[in-house]
Amino acid sequence: MCLAPHFTPNEKEFIRNAAPTDEEKKALSASFEAATALLWALGYVDALSIPNRTCDAKRAIACMSDRKRQRFIDEAELRPVSQLLDQADLTFRYHWAMADAKKNERRFPPILT
């Protein structure tokens, strides 16, 4: 894996494990969620899905393992600031909707379930 030196020891072990447990998947889900958002911002992922399920870790791993460091940097195309801000705004709105529903003991918005 070309970018392997840049992964944490736990991430490397997860990638090597052909059949990670649900607990192992859950432990690293935040890392892969963050990686997927970064890959989207750099133009490697076409779209981010609605945050109602975990991301596709295998897809993120494949995207990063197919390129050496310099190629990864060279092929990155940062999205326009307006797209980054729109996505951040949407993500915060999703988070707020979930937190508000939980706090007020209401059902989660249908789009997020």
PDB file of N, CA and C in Angstrom:
ATOM      1  N   MET A   1       0.846  -1.170   0.000  1.00  0.00           N
ATOM      2  CA  MET A   1       0.000   0.000   0.000  1.00  0.00           C
ATOM      3  C   MET A   1       0.894   1.237   0.000  1.00  0.00           C
ATOM      4  N   CYS A   2       0.694   2.087  -0.927  1.00  0.00           N
ATOM      5  CA  CYS A   2       1.588   3.218  -1.126  1.00  0.00           C
ATOM      6  C   CYS A   2       1.514   4.267  -0.025  1.00  0.00           C
ATOM      7  N   LEU A   3       0.351   4.525   0.504  1.00  0.00           N
ATOM      8  CA  LEU A   3       0.213   5.531   1.549  1.00  0.00           C
ATOM      9  C   LEU A   3       0.262   4.905   2.947  1.00  0.00           C
ATOM     10  N   ALA A   4       0.559   3.628   3.026  1.00  0.00           N
ATOM     11  CA  ALA A   4       0.565   2.906   4.301  1.00  0.00           C
ATOM     12  C   ALA A   4       1.409   3.562   5.387  1.00  0.00           C
ATOM     13  N   PRO A   5       2.566   4.117   5.072  1.00  0.00           N
ATOM     14  CA  PRO A   5       3.357   4.736   6.145  1.00  0.00           C
ATOM     15  C   PRO A   5       2.626   5.875   6.864  1.00  0.00           C
ATOM     16  N   HIS A   6       1.580   6.386   6.264  1.00  0.00           N
ATOM     17  CA  HIS A   6       0.855   7.511   6.832  1.00  0.00           C
ATOM     18  C   HIS A   6      -0.352   7.083   7.668  1.00  0.00           C
ATOM     19  N   PHE A   7      -0.619   5.771   7.724  1.00  0.00           N
ATOM     20  CA  PHE A   7      -1.716   5.260   8.542  1.00  0.00           C
ATOM     21  C   PHE A   7      -1.221   4.974   9.949  1.00  0.00           C
ATOM     22  N   THR A   8      -2.137   4.993  10.894  1.00  0.00           N
ATOM     23  CA  THR A   8      -1.798   4.629  12.275  1.00  0.00           C
ATOM     24  C   THR A   8      -1.613   3.114  12.343  1.00  0.00           C
ATOM     25  N   PRO A   9      -0.965   2.619  13.384  1.00  0.00           N
ATOM     26  CA  PRO A   9      -0.827   1.160  13.534  1.00  0.00           C
ATOM     27  C   PRO A   9      -2.183   0.445  13.546  1.00  0.00           C
ATOM     28  N   ASN A  10      -3.173   1.016  14.202  1.00  0.00           N
ATOM     29  CA  ASN A  10      -4.508   0.397  14.237  1.00  0.00           C
ATOM     30  C   ASN A  10      -5.138   0.353  12.848  1.00  0.00           C
ATOM     31  N   GLU A  11      -4.957   1.408  12.079  1.00  0.00           N
ATOM     32  CA  GLU A  11      -5.496   1.432  10.711  1.00  0.00           C
ATOM     33  C   GLU A  11      -4.809   0.381   9.850  1.00  0.00           C
ATOM     34  N   LYS A  12      -3.499   0.261   9.979  1.00  0.00           N
ATOM     35  CA  LYS A  12      -2.761  -0.742   9.208  1.00  0.00           C
ATOM     36  C   LYS A  12      -3.240  -2.153   9.538  1.00  0.00           C
ATOM     37  N   GLU A  13      -3.415  -2.422  10.816  1.00  0.00           N
ATOM     38  CA  GLU A  13      -3.892  -3.751  11.233  1.00  0.00           C
ATOM     39  C   GLU A  13      -5.289  -4.019  10.688  1.00  0.00           C
ATOM     40  N   PHE A  14      -6.152  -3.023  10.726  1.00  0.00           N
ATOM     41  CA  PHE A  14      -7.510  -3.163  10.207  1.00  0.00           C
ATOM     42  C   PHE A  14      -7.480  -3.502   8.718  1.00  0.00           C
ATOM     43  N   ILE A  15      -6.637  -2.813   7.974  1.00  0.00           N
ATOM     44  CA  ILE A  15      -6.540  -3.030   6.531  1.00  0.00           C
ATOM     45  C   ILE A  15      -6.030  -4.438   6.217  1.00  0.00           C
ATOM     46  N   ARG A  16      -5.094  -4.922   7.020  1.00  0.00           N
ATOM     47  CA  ARG A  16      -4.547  -6.272   6.802  1.00  0.00           C
ATOM     48  C   ARG A  16      -5.536  -7.375   7.168  1.00  0.00           C
ATOM     49  N   ASN A  17      -6.467  -7.072   8.039  1.00  0.00           N
ATOM     50  CA  ASN A  17      -7.419  -8.066   8.524  1.00  0.00           C
ATOM     51  C   ASN A  17      -8.504  -8.302   7.468  1.00  0.00           C
ATOM     52  N   ALA A  18      -8.562  -9.495   6.920  1.00  0.00           N
ATOM     53  CA  ALA A  18      -9.528  -9.813   5.862  1.00  0.00           C
ATOM     54  C   ALA A  18     -10.962  -9.872   6.379  1.00  0.00           C
ATOM     55  N   ALA A  19     -11.132 -10.144   7.671  1.00  0.00           N
ATOM     56  CA  ALA A  19     -12.482 -10.267   8.230  1.00  0.00           C
ATOM     57  C   ALA A  19     -12.565  -9.578   9.593  1.00  0.00           C
ATOM     58  N   PRO A  20     -12.531  -8.240   9.601  1.00  0.00           N
ATOM     59  CA  PRO A  20     -12.603  -7.544  10.886  1.00  0.00           C
ATOM     60  C   PRO A  20     -13.957  -7.765  11.559  1.00  0.00           C
ATOM     61  N   THR A  21     -13.944  -7.787  12.870  1.00  0.00           N
ATOM     62  CA  THR A  21     -15.189  -7.936  13.621  1.00  0.00           C
ATOM     63  C   THR A  21     -15.968  -6.620  13.583  1.00  0.00           C
ATOM     64  N   ASP A  22     -17.222  -6.694  13.985  1.00  0.00           N
ATOM     65  CA  ASP A  22     -18.032  -5.477  14.049  1.00  0.00           C
ATOM     66  C   ASP A  22     -17.427  -4.487  15.034  1.00  0.00           C
ATOM     67  N   GLU A  23     -16.861  -5.005  16.119  1.00  0.00           N
ATOM     68  CA  GLU A  23     -16.224  -4.135  17.111  1.00  0.00           C
ATOM     69  C   GLU A  23     -15.012  -3.419  16.516  1.00  0.00           C
ATOM     70  N   GLU A  24     -14.213  -4.135  15.732  1.00  0.00           N
ATOM     71  CA  GLU A  24     -13.041  -3.519  15.088  1.00  0.00           C
ATOM     72  C   GLU A  24     -13.482  -2.480  14.054  1.00  0.00           C
ATOM     73  N   LYS A  25     -14.543  -2.775  13.339  1.00  0.00           N
ATOM     74  CA  LYS A  25     -15.066  -1.815  12.366  1.00  0.00           C
ATOM     75  C   LYS A  25     -15.543  -0.546  13.068  1.00  0.00           C
ATOM     76  N   LYS A  26     -16.263  -0.740  14.169  1.00  0.00           N
ATOM     77  CA  LYS A  26     -16.789   0.401  14.915  1.00  0.00           C
ATOM     78  C   LYS A  26     -15.662   1.259  15.491  1.00  0.00           C
ATOM     79  N   ALA A  27     -14.603   0.603  15.960  1.00  0.00           N
ATOM     80  CA  ALA A  27     -13.482   1.327  16.574  1.00  0.00           C
ATOM     81  C   ALA A  27     -12.799   2.273  15.594  1.00  0.00           C
ATOM     82  N   LEU A  28     -12.788   1.916  14.310  1.00  0.00           N
ATOM     83  CA  LEU A  28     -12.108   2.766  13.325  1.00  0.00           C
ATOM     84  C   LEU A  28     -13.070   3.510  12.404  1.00  0.00           C
ATOM     85  N   SER A  29     -14.348   3.424  12.671  1.00  0.00           N
ATOM     86  CA  SER A  29     -15.305   4.056  11.768  1.00  0.00           C
ATOM     87  C   SER A  29     -15.081   5.562  11.649  1.00  0.00           C
ATOM     88  N   ALA A  30     -14.746   6.236  12.735  1.00  0.00           N
ATOM     89  CA  ALA A  30     -14.522   7.685  12.670  1.00  0.00           C
ATOM     90  C   ALA A  30     -13.347   8.025  11.764  1.00  0.00           C
ATOM     91  N   SER A  31     -12.300   7.201  11.796  1.00  0.00           N
ATOM     92  CA  SER A  31     -11.135   7.441  10.922  1.00  0.00           C
ATOM     93  C   SER A  31     -11.540   7.360   9.455  1.00  0.00           C
ATOM     94  N   PHE A  32     -12.336   6.344   9.119  1.00  0.00           N
ATOM     95  CA  PHE A  32     -12.725   6.180   7.727  1.00  0.00           C
ATOM     96  C   PHE A  32     -13.789   7.186   7.298  1.00  0.00           C
ATOM     97  N   GLU A  33     -14.627   7.616   8.235  1.00  0.00           N
ATOM     98  CA  GLU A  33     -15.584   8.688   7.926  1.00  0.00           C
ATOM     99  C   GLU A  33     -14.816   9.965   7.583  1.00  0.00           C
ATOM    100  N   ALA A  34     -13.804  10.274   8.383  1.00  0.00           N
ATOM    101  CA  ALA A  34     -12.990  11.470   8.137  1.00  0.00           C
ATOM    102  C   ALA A  34     -12.227  11.342   6.824  1.00  0.00           C
ATOM    103  N   ALA A  35     -11.680  10.154   6.564  1.00  0.00           N
ATOM    104  CA  ALA A  35     -10.938   9.930   5.320  1.00  0.00           C
ATOM    105  C   ALA A  35     -11.856  10.095   4.117  1.00  0.00           C
ATOM    106  N   THR A  36     -13.083   9.601   4.231  1.00  0.00           N
ATOM    107  CA  THR A  36     -14.027   9.719   3.112  1.00  0.00           C
ATOM    108  C   THR A  36     -14.362  11.184   2.839  1.00  0.00           C
ATOM    109  N   ALA A  37     -14.564  11.965   3.893  1.00  0.00           N
ATOM    110  CA  ALA A  37     -14.836  13.395   3.708  1.00  0.00           C
ATOM    111  C   ALA A  37     -13.635  14.087   3.064  1.00  0.00           C
ATOM    112  N   LEU A  38     -12.436  13.730   3.494  1.00  0.00           N
ATOM    113  CA  LEU A  38     -11.231  14.309   2.900  1.00  0.00           C
ATOM    114  C   LEU A  38     -11.115  13.905   1.429  1.00  0.00           C
ATOM    115  N   LEU A  39     -11.359  12.641   1.128  1.00  0.00           N
ATOM    116  CA  LEU A  39     -11.291  12.175  -0.257  1.00  0.00           C
ATOM    117  C   LEU A  39     -12.317  12.897  -1.123  1.00  0.00           C
ATOM    118  N   TRP A  40     -13.484  13.164  -0.572  1.00  0.00           N
ATOM    119  CA  TRP A  40     -14.492  13.932  -1.312  1.00  0.00           C
ATOM    120  C   TRP A  40     -13.971  15.353  -1.564  1.00  0.00           C
ATOM    121  N   ALA A  41     -13.438  15.993  -0.525  1.00  0.00           N
ATOM    122  CA  ALA A  41     -12.946  17.372  -0.665  1.00  0.00           C
ATOM    123  C   ALA A  41     -11.832  17.463  -1.695  1.00  0.00           C
ATOM    124  N   LEU A  42     -11.053  16.393  -1.840  1.00  0.00           N
ATOM    125  CA  LEU A  42      -9.944  16.376  -2.800  1.00  0.00           C
ATOM    126  C   LEU A  42     -10.350  15.852  -4.170  1.00  0.00           C
ATOM    127  N   GLY A  43     -11.632  15.556  -4.350  1.00  0.00           N
ATOM    128  CA  GLY A  43     -12.125  15.131  -5.647  1.00  0.00           C
ATOM    129  C   GLY A  43     -12.017  13.649  -5.948  1.00  0.00           C
ATOM    130  N   TYR A  44     -11.657  12.849  -4.984  1.00  0.00           N
ATOM    131  CA  TYR A  44     -11.531  11.406  -5.205  1.00  0.00           C
ATOM    132  C   TYR A  44     -12.843  10.657  -5.014  1.00  0.00           C
ATOM    133  N   VAL A  45     -13.778  11.241  -4.321  1.00  0.00           N
ATOM    134  CA  VAL A  45     -15.099  10.659  -4.106  1.00  0.00           C
ATOM    135  C   VAL A  45     -16.098  11.625  -4.718  1.00  0.00           C
ATOM    136  N   ASP A  46     -16.993  11.101  -5.565  1.00  0.00           N
ATOM    137  CA  ASP A  46     -17.930  11.959  -6.292  1.00  0.00           C
ATOM    138  C   ASP A  46     -18.934  12.667  -5.385  1.00  0.00           C
ATOM    139  N   ALA A  47     -19.466  11.939  -4.413  1.00  0.00           N
ATOM    140  CA  ALA A  47     -20.497  12.526  -3.553  1.00  0.00           C
ATOM    141  C   ALA A  47     -20.460  11.873  -2.181  1.00  0.00           C
ATOM    142  N   LEU A  48     -20.860  12.624  -1.194  1.00  0.00           N
ATOM    143  CA  LEU A  48     -21.012  12.077   0.148  1.00  0.00           C
ATOM    144  C   LEU A  48     -22.466  11.673   0.321  1.00  0.00           C
ATOM    145  N   SER A  49     -22.677  10.535   0.932  1.00  0.00           N
ATOM    146  CA  SER A  49     -24.049  10.079   1.134  1.00  0.00           C
ATOM    147  C   SER A  49     -24.648  10.756   2.362  1.00  0.00           C
ATOM    148  N   ILE A  50     -25.932  10.609   2.500  1.00  0.00           N
ATOM    149  CA  ILE A  50     -26.616  11.104   3.683  1.00  0.00           C
ATOM    150  C   ILE A  50     -26.029  10.354   4.872  1.00  0.00           C
ATOM    151  N   PRO A  51     -25.697  11.044   5.945  1.00  0.00           N
ATOM    152  CA  PRO A  51     -25.020  10.387   7.072  1.00  0.00           C
ATOM    153  C   PRO A  51     -25.954   9.551   7.951  1.00  0.00           C
ATOM    154  N   ASN A  52     -26.587   8.549   7.323  1.00  0.00           N
ATOM    155  CA  ASN A  52     -27.465   7.673   8.094  1.00  0.00           C
ATOM    156  C   ASN A  52     -26.924   6.241   8.156  1.00  0.00           C
ATOM    157  N   ARG A  53     -25.698   6.056   7.711  1.00  0.00           N
ATOM    158  CA  ARG A  53     -25.006   4.767   7.800  1.00  0.00           C
ATOM    159  C   ARG A  53     -23.507   5.042   7.695  1.00  0.00           C
ATOM    160  N   THR A  54     -22.717   4.043   8.039  1.00  0.00           N
ATOM    161  CA  THR A  54     -21.272   4.239   7.972  1.00  0.00           C
ATOM    162  C   THR A  54     -20.815   4.280   6.519  1.00  0.00           C
ATOM    163  N   CYS A  55     -19.686   4.890   6.329  1.00  0.00           N
ATOM    164  CA  CYS A  55     -19.145   5.008   4.979  1.00  0.00           C
ATOM    165  C   CYS A  55     -18.581   3.668   4.512  1.00  0.00           C
ATOM    166  N   ASP A  56     -18.203   3.617   3.262  1.00  0.00           N
ATOM    167  CA  ASP A  56     -17.611   2.423   2.673  1.00  0.00           C
ATOM    168  C   ASP A  56     -16.097   2.474   2.893  1.00  0.00           C
ATOM    169  N   ALA A  57     -15.637   1.857   3.973  1.00  0.00           N
ATOM    170  CA  ALA A  57     -14.209   1.885   4.316  1.00  0.00           C
ATOM    171  C   ALA A  57     -13.363   1.242   3.225  1.00  0.00           C
ATOM    172  N   LYS A  58     -13.860   0.174   2.626  1.00  0.00           N
ATOM    173  CA  LYS A  58     -13.089  -0.508   1.577  1.00  0.00           C
ATOM    174  C   LYS A  58     -12.851   0.429   0.394  1.00  0.00           C
ATOM    175  N   ARG A  59     -13.828   1.236   0.091  1.00  0.00           N
ATOM    176  CA  ARG A  59     -13.688   2.195  -1.020  1.00  0.00           C
ATOM    177  C   ARG A  59     -12.618   3.230  -0.694  1.00  0.00           C
ATOM    178  N   ALA A  60     -12.625   3.727   0.542  1.00  0.00           N
ATOM    179  CA  ALA A  60     -11.622   4.711   0.955  1.00  0.00           C
ATOM    180  C   ALA A  60     -10.228   4.094   0.925  1.00  0.00           C
ATOM    181  N   ILE A  61     -10.107   2.880   1.423  1.00  0.00           N
ATOM    182  CA  ILE A  61      -8.815   2.187   1.435  1.00  0.00           C
ATOM    183  C   ILE A  61      -8.311   1.990   0.009  1.00  0.00           C
ATOM    184  N   ALA A  62      -9.191   1.540  -0.869  1.00  0.00           N
ATOM    185  CA  ALA A  62      -8.795   1.306  -2.264  1.00  0.00           C
ATOM    186  C   ALA A  62      -8.322   2.600  -2.923  1.00  0.00           C
ATOM    187  N   CYS A  63      -9.024   3.680  -2.663  1.00  0.00           N
ATOM    188  CA  CYS A  63      -8.651   4.966  -3.265  1.00  0.00           C
ATOM    189  C   CYS A  63      -7.252   5.382  -2.841  1.00  0.00           C
ATOM    190  N   MET A  64      -6.936   5.165  -1.586  1.00  0.00           N
ATOM    191  CA  MET A  64      -5.633   5.586  -1.079  1.00  0.00           C
ATOM    192  C   MET A  64      -4.532   4.584  -1.392  1.00  0.00           C
ATOM    193  N   SER A  65      -4.881   3.325  -1.539  1.00  0.00           N
ATOM    194  CA  SER A  65      -3.837   2.331  -1.768  1.00  0.00           C
ATOM    195  C   SER A  65      -3.461   2.209  -3.235  1.00  0.00           C
ATOM    196  N   ASP A  66      -4.223   2.805  -4.113  1.00  0.00           N
ATOM    197  CA  ASP A  66      -3.920   2.750  -5.539  1.00  0.00           C
ATOM    198  C   ASP A  66      -2.889   3.792  -5.979  1.00  0.00           C
ATOM    199  N   ARG A  67      -2.525   4.684  -5.093  1.00  0.00           N
ATOM    200  CA  ARG A  67      -1.652   5.795  -5.483  1.00  0.00           C
ATOM    201  C   ARG A  67      -0.466   5.942  -4.521  1.00  0.00           C
ATOM    202  N   LYS A  68       0.675   6.242  -5.092  1.00  0.00           N
ATOM    203  CA  LYS A  68       1.811   6.613  -4.265  1.00  0.00           C
ATOM    204  C   LYS A  68       1.574   8.030  -3.770  1.00  0.00           C
ATOM    205  N   ARG A  69       2.302   8.411  -2.751  1.00  0.00           N
ATOM    206  CA  ARG A  69       2.104   9.708  -2.094  1.00  0.00           C
ATOM    207  C   ARG A  69       2.080  10.870  -3.081  1.00  0.00           C
ATOM    208  N   GLN A  70       3.092  10.981  -3.918  1.00  0.00           N
ATOM    209  CA  GLN A  70       3.170  12.119  -4.825  1.00  0.00           C
ATOM    210  C   GLN A  70       2.042  12.100  -5.848  1.00  0.00           C
ATOM    211  N   ARG A  71       1.698  10.922  -6.329  1.00  0.00           N
ATOM    212  CA  ARG A  71       0.589  10.822  -7.290  1.00  0.00           C
ATOM    213  C   ARG A  71      -0.719  11.222  -6.618  1.00  0.00           C
ATOM    214  N   PHE A  72      -0.887  10.799  -5.366  1.00  0.00           N
ATOM    215  CA  PHE A  72      -2.090  11.167  -4.615  1.00  0.00           C
ATOM    216  C   PHE A  72      -2.205  12.687  -4.518  1.00  0.00           C
ATOM    217  N   ILE A  73      -1.096  13.339  -4.228  1.00  0.00           N
ATOM    218  CA  ILE A  73      -1.080  14.804  -4.122  1.00  0.00           C
ATOM    219  C   ILE A  73      -1.320  15.439  -5.487  1.00  0.00           C
ATOM    220  N   ASP A  74      -0.622  14.933  -6.507  1.00  0.00           N
ATOM    221  CA  ASP A  74      -0.722  15.520  -7.846  1.00  0.00           C
ATOM    222  C   ASP A  74      -2.118  15.397  -8.442  1.00  0.00           C
ATOM    223  N   GLU A  75      -2.802  14.293  -8.175  1.00  0.00           N
ATOM    224  CA  GLU A  75      -4.115  14.058  -8.773  1.00  0.00           C
ATOM    225  C   GLU A  75      -5.266  14.664  -7.979  1.00  0.00           C
ATOM    226  N   ALA A  76      -4.975  15.154  -6.803  1.00  0.00           N
ATOM    227  CA  ALA A  76      -6.024  15.771  -5.984  1.00  0.00           C
ATOM    228  C   ALA A  76      -6.477  17.081  -6.622  1.00  0.00           C
ATOM    229  N   GLU A  77      -7.783  17.282  -6.614  1.00  0.00           N
ATOM    230  CA  GLU A  77      -8.357  18.531  -7.124  1.00  0.00           C
ATOM    231  C   GLU A  77      -9.319  19.065  -6.073  1.00  0.00           C
ATOM    232  N   LEU A  78      -8.839  20.001  -5.282  1.00  0.00           N
ATOM    233  CA  LEU A  78      -9.650  20.549  -4.203  1.00  0.00           C
ATOM    234  C   LEU A  78     -10.929  21.161  -4.767  1.00  0.00           C
ATOM    235  N   ARG A  79     -12.024  20.788  -4.183  1.00  0.00           N
ATOM    236  CA  ARG A  79     -13.311  21.339  -4.611  1.00  0.00           C
ATOM    237  C   ARG A  79     -13.353  22.841  -4.294  1.00  0.00           C
ATOM    238  N   PRO A  80     -14.179  23.570  -4.995  1.00  0.00           N
ATOM    239  CA  PRO A  80     -14.312  24.997  -4.704  1.00  0.00           C
ATOM    240  C   PRO A  80     -14.770  25.222  -3.260  1.00  0.00           C
ATOM    241  N   VAL A  81     -14.335  26.325  -2.686  1.00  0.00           N
ATOM    242  CA  VAL A  81     -14.681  26.644  -1.301  1.00  0.00           C
ATOM    243  C   VAL A  81     -16.195  26.643  -1.115  1.00  0.00           C
ATOM    244  N   SER A  82     -16.932  27.105  -2.099  1.00  0.00           N
ATOM    245  CA  SER A  82     -18.398  27.144  -1.959  1.00  0.00           C
ATOM    246  C   SER A  82     -18.967  25.735  -1.757  1.00  0.00           C
ATOM    247  N   GLN A  83     -18.436  24.740  -2.449  1.00  0.00           N
ATOM    248  CA  GLN A  83     -18.908  23.355  -2.267  1.00  0.00           C
ATOM    249  C   GLN A  83     -18.525  22.828  -0.888  1.00  0.00           C
ATOM    250  N   LEU A  84     -17.313  23.141  -0.452  1.00  0.00           N
ATOM    251  CA  LEU A  84     -16.871  22.699   0.875  1.00  0.00           C
ATOM    252  C   LEU A  84     -17.767  23.292   1.956  1.00  0.00           C
ATOM    253  N   LEU A  85     -18.071  24.576   1.835  1.00  0.00           N
ATOM    254  CA  LEU A  85     -18.915  25.238   2.829  1.00  0.00           C
ATOM    255  C   LEU A  85     -20.349  24.724   2.780  1.00  0.00           C
ATOM    256  N   ASP A  86     -20.870  24.488   1.576  1.00  0.00           N
ATOM    257  CA  ASP A  86     -22.229  23.945   1.452  1.00  0.00           C
ATOM    258  C   ASP A  86     -22.325  22.567   2.106  1.00  0.00           C
ATOM    259  N   GLN A  87     -21.322  21.728   1.875  1.00  0.00           N
ATOM    260  CA  GLN A  87     -21.338  20.387   2.466  1.00  0.00           C
ATOM    261  C   GLN A  87     -21.203  20.462   3.979  1.00  0.00           C
ATOM    262  N   ALA A  88     -20.343  21.338   4.464  1.00  0.00           N
ATOM    263  CA  ALA A  88     -20.197  21.501   5.914  1.00  0.00           C
ATOM    264  C   ALA A  88     -21.508  21.976   6.533  1.00  0.00           C
ATOM    265  N   ASP A  89     -22.169  22.922   5.880  1.00  0.00           N
ATOM    266  CA  ASP A  89     -23.446  23.429   6.367  1.00  0.00           C
ATOM    267  C   ASP A  89     -24.485  22.310   6.406  1.00  0.00           C
ATOM    268  N   LEU A  90     -24.554  21.525   5.345  1.00  0.00           N
ATOM    269  CA  LEU A  90     -25.512  20.426   5.292  1.00  0.00           C
ATOM    270  C   LEU A  90     -25.230  19.407   6.396  1.00  0.00           C
ATOM    271  N   THR A  91     -23.978  19.082   6.591  1.00  0.00           N
ATOM    272  CA  THR A  91     -23.602  18.115   7.623  1.00  0.00           C
ATOM    273  C   THR A  91     -23.983  18.625   9.011  1.00  0.00           C
ATOM    274  N   PHE A  92     -23.724  19.896   9.284  1.00  0.00           N
ATOM    275  CA  PHE A  92     -24.109  20.460  10.578  1.00  0.00           C
ATOM    276  C   PHE A  92     -25.623  20.482  10.746  1.00  0.00           C
ATOM    277  N   ARG A  93     -26.349  20.714   9.666  1.00  0.00           N
ATOM    278  CA  ARG A  93     -27.815  20.697   9.744  1.00  0.00           C
ATOM    279  C   ARG A  93     -28.327  19.293  10.055  1.00  0.00           C
ATOM    280  N   TYR A  94     -27.741  18.287   9.408  1.00  0.00           N
ATOM    281  CA  TYR A  94     -28.101  16.896   9.721  1.00  0.00           C
ATOM    282  C   TYR A  94     -27.847  16.620  11.198  1.00  0.00           C
ATOM    283  N   HIS A  95     -26.668  17.015  11.670  1.00  0.00           N
ATOM    284  CA  HIS A  95     -26.315  16.777  13.068  1.00  0.00           C
ATOM    285  C   HIS A  95     -27.294  17.487  14.004  1.00  0.00           C
ATOM    286  N   TRP A  96     -27.601  18.720  13.698  1.00  0.00           N
ATOM    287  CA  TRP A  96     -28.535  19.473  14.533  1.00  0.00           C
ATOM    288  C   TRP A  96     -29.901  18.803  14.551  1.00  0.00           C
ATOM    289  N   ALA A  97     -30.395  18.344  13.400  1.00  0.00           N
ATOM    290  CA  ALA A  97     -31.705  17.705  13.325  1.00  0.00           C
ATOM    291  C   ALA A  97     -31.753  16.450  14.196  1.00  0.00           C
ATOM    292  N   MET A  98     -30.680  15.674  14.171  1.00  0.00           N
ATOM    293  CA  MET A  98     -30.625  14.464  14.993  1.00  0.00           C
ATOM    294  C   MET A  98     -30.554  14.824  16.483  1.00  0.00           C
ATOM    295  N   ALA A  99     -29.697  15.780  16.838  1.00  0.00           N
ATOM    296  CA  ALA A  99     -29.549  16.175  18.237  1.00  0.00           C
ATOM    297  C   ALA A  99     -30.844  16.778  18.776  1.00  0.00           C
ATOM    298  N   ASP A 100     -31.503  17.591  17.962  1.00  0.00           N
ATOM    299  CA  ASP A 100     -32.754  18.215  18.370  1.00  0.00           C
ATOM    300  C   ASP A 100     -33.845  17.165  18.591  1.00  0.00           C
ATOM    301  N   ALA A 101     -33.938  16.210  17.682  1.00  0.00           N
ATOM    302  CA  ALA A 101     -34.943  15.157  17.827  1.00  0.00           C
ATOM    303  C   ALA A 101     -34.680  14.335  19.085  1.00  0.00           C
ATOM    304  N   LYS A 102     -33.435  14.009  19.329  1.00  0.00           N
ATOM    305  CA  LYS A 102     -33.092  13.226  20.524  1.00  0.00           C
ATOM    306  C   LYS A 102     -33.403  14.005  21.799  1.00  0.00           C
ATOM    307  N   LYS A 103     -32.990  15.263  21.825  1.00  0.00           N
ATOM    308  CA  LYS A 103     -33.200  16.099  23.016  1.00  0.00           C
ATOM    309  C   LYS A 103     -34.684  16.256  23.325  1.00  0.00           C
ATOM    310  N   ASN A 104     -35.488  16.409  22.290  1.00  0.00           N
ATOM    311  CA  ASN A 104     -36.919  16.654  22.468  1.00  0.00           C
ATOM    312  C   ASN A 104     -37.762  15.386  22.354  1.00  0.00           C
ATOM    313  N   GLU A 105     -37.081  14.237  22.384  1.00  0.00           N
ATOM    314  CA  GLU A 105     -37.741  12.931  22.349  1.00  0.00           C
ATOM    315  C   GLU A 105     -38.727  12.805  21.193  1.00  0.00           C
ATOM    316  N   ARG A 106     -38.265  13.217  20.035  1.00  0.00           N
ATOM    317  CA  ARG A 106     -39.063  13.088  18.812  1.00  0.00           C
ATOM    318  C   ARG A 106     -38.400  12.063  17.908  1.00  0.00           C
ATOM    319  N   ARG A 107     -39.129  11.652  16.908  1.00  0.00           N
ATOM    320  CA  ARG A 107     -38.553  10.734  15.910  1.00  0.00           C
ATOM    321  C   ARG A 107     -37.498  11.465  15.101  1.00  0.00           C
ATOM    322  N   PHE A 108     -36.511  10.710  14.669  1.00  0.00           N
ATOM    323  CA  PHE A 108     -35.499  11.294  13.791  1.00  0.00           C
ATOM    324  C   PHE A 108     -36.141  11.617  12.448  1.00  0.00           C
ATOM    325  N   PRO A 109     -35.669  12.648  11.778  1.00  0.00           N
ATOM    326  CA  PRO A 109     -36.209  12.971  10.454  1.00  0.00           C
ATOM    327  C   PRO A 109     -36.107  11.748   9.533  1.00  0.00           C
ATOM    328  N   PRO A 110     -37.142  11.461   8.759  1.00  0.00           N
ATOM    329  CA  PRO A 110     -37.165  10.267   7.914  1.00  0.00           C
ATOM    330  C   PRO A 110     -35.933  10.130   7.000  1.00  0.00           C
ATOM    331  N   ILE A 111     -35.425  11.234   6.517  1.00  0.00           N
ATOM    332  CA  ILE A 111     -34.277  11.172   5.608  1.00  0.00           C
ATOM    333  C   ILE A 111     -33.034  10.598   6.309  1.00  0.00           C
ATOM    334  N   LEU A 112     -32.986  10.688   7.625  1.00  0.00           N
ATOM    335  CA  LEU A 112     -31.826  10.239   8.384  1.00  0.00           C
ATOM    336  C   LEU A 112     -32.015   8.875   9.054  1.00  0.00           C
ATOM    337  N   THR A 113     -33.110   8.231   8.751  1.00  0.00           N
ATOM    338  CA  THR A 113     -33.322   6.907   9.358  1.00  0.00           C
ATOM    339  C   THR A 113     -33.266   5.804   8.335  1.00  0.00           C
TER     340      THR A 113
END
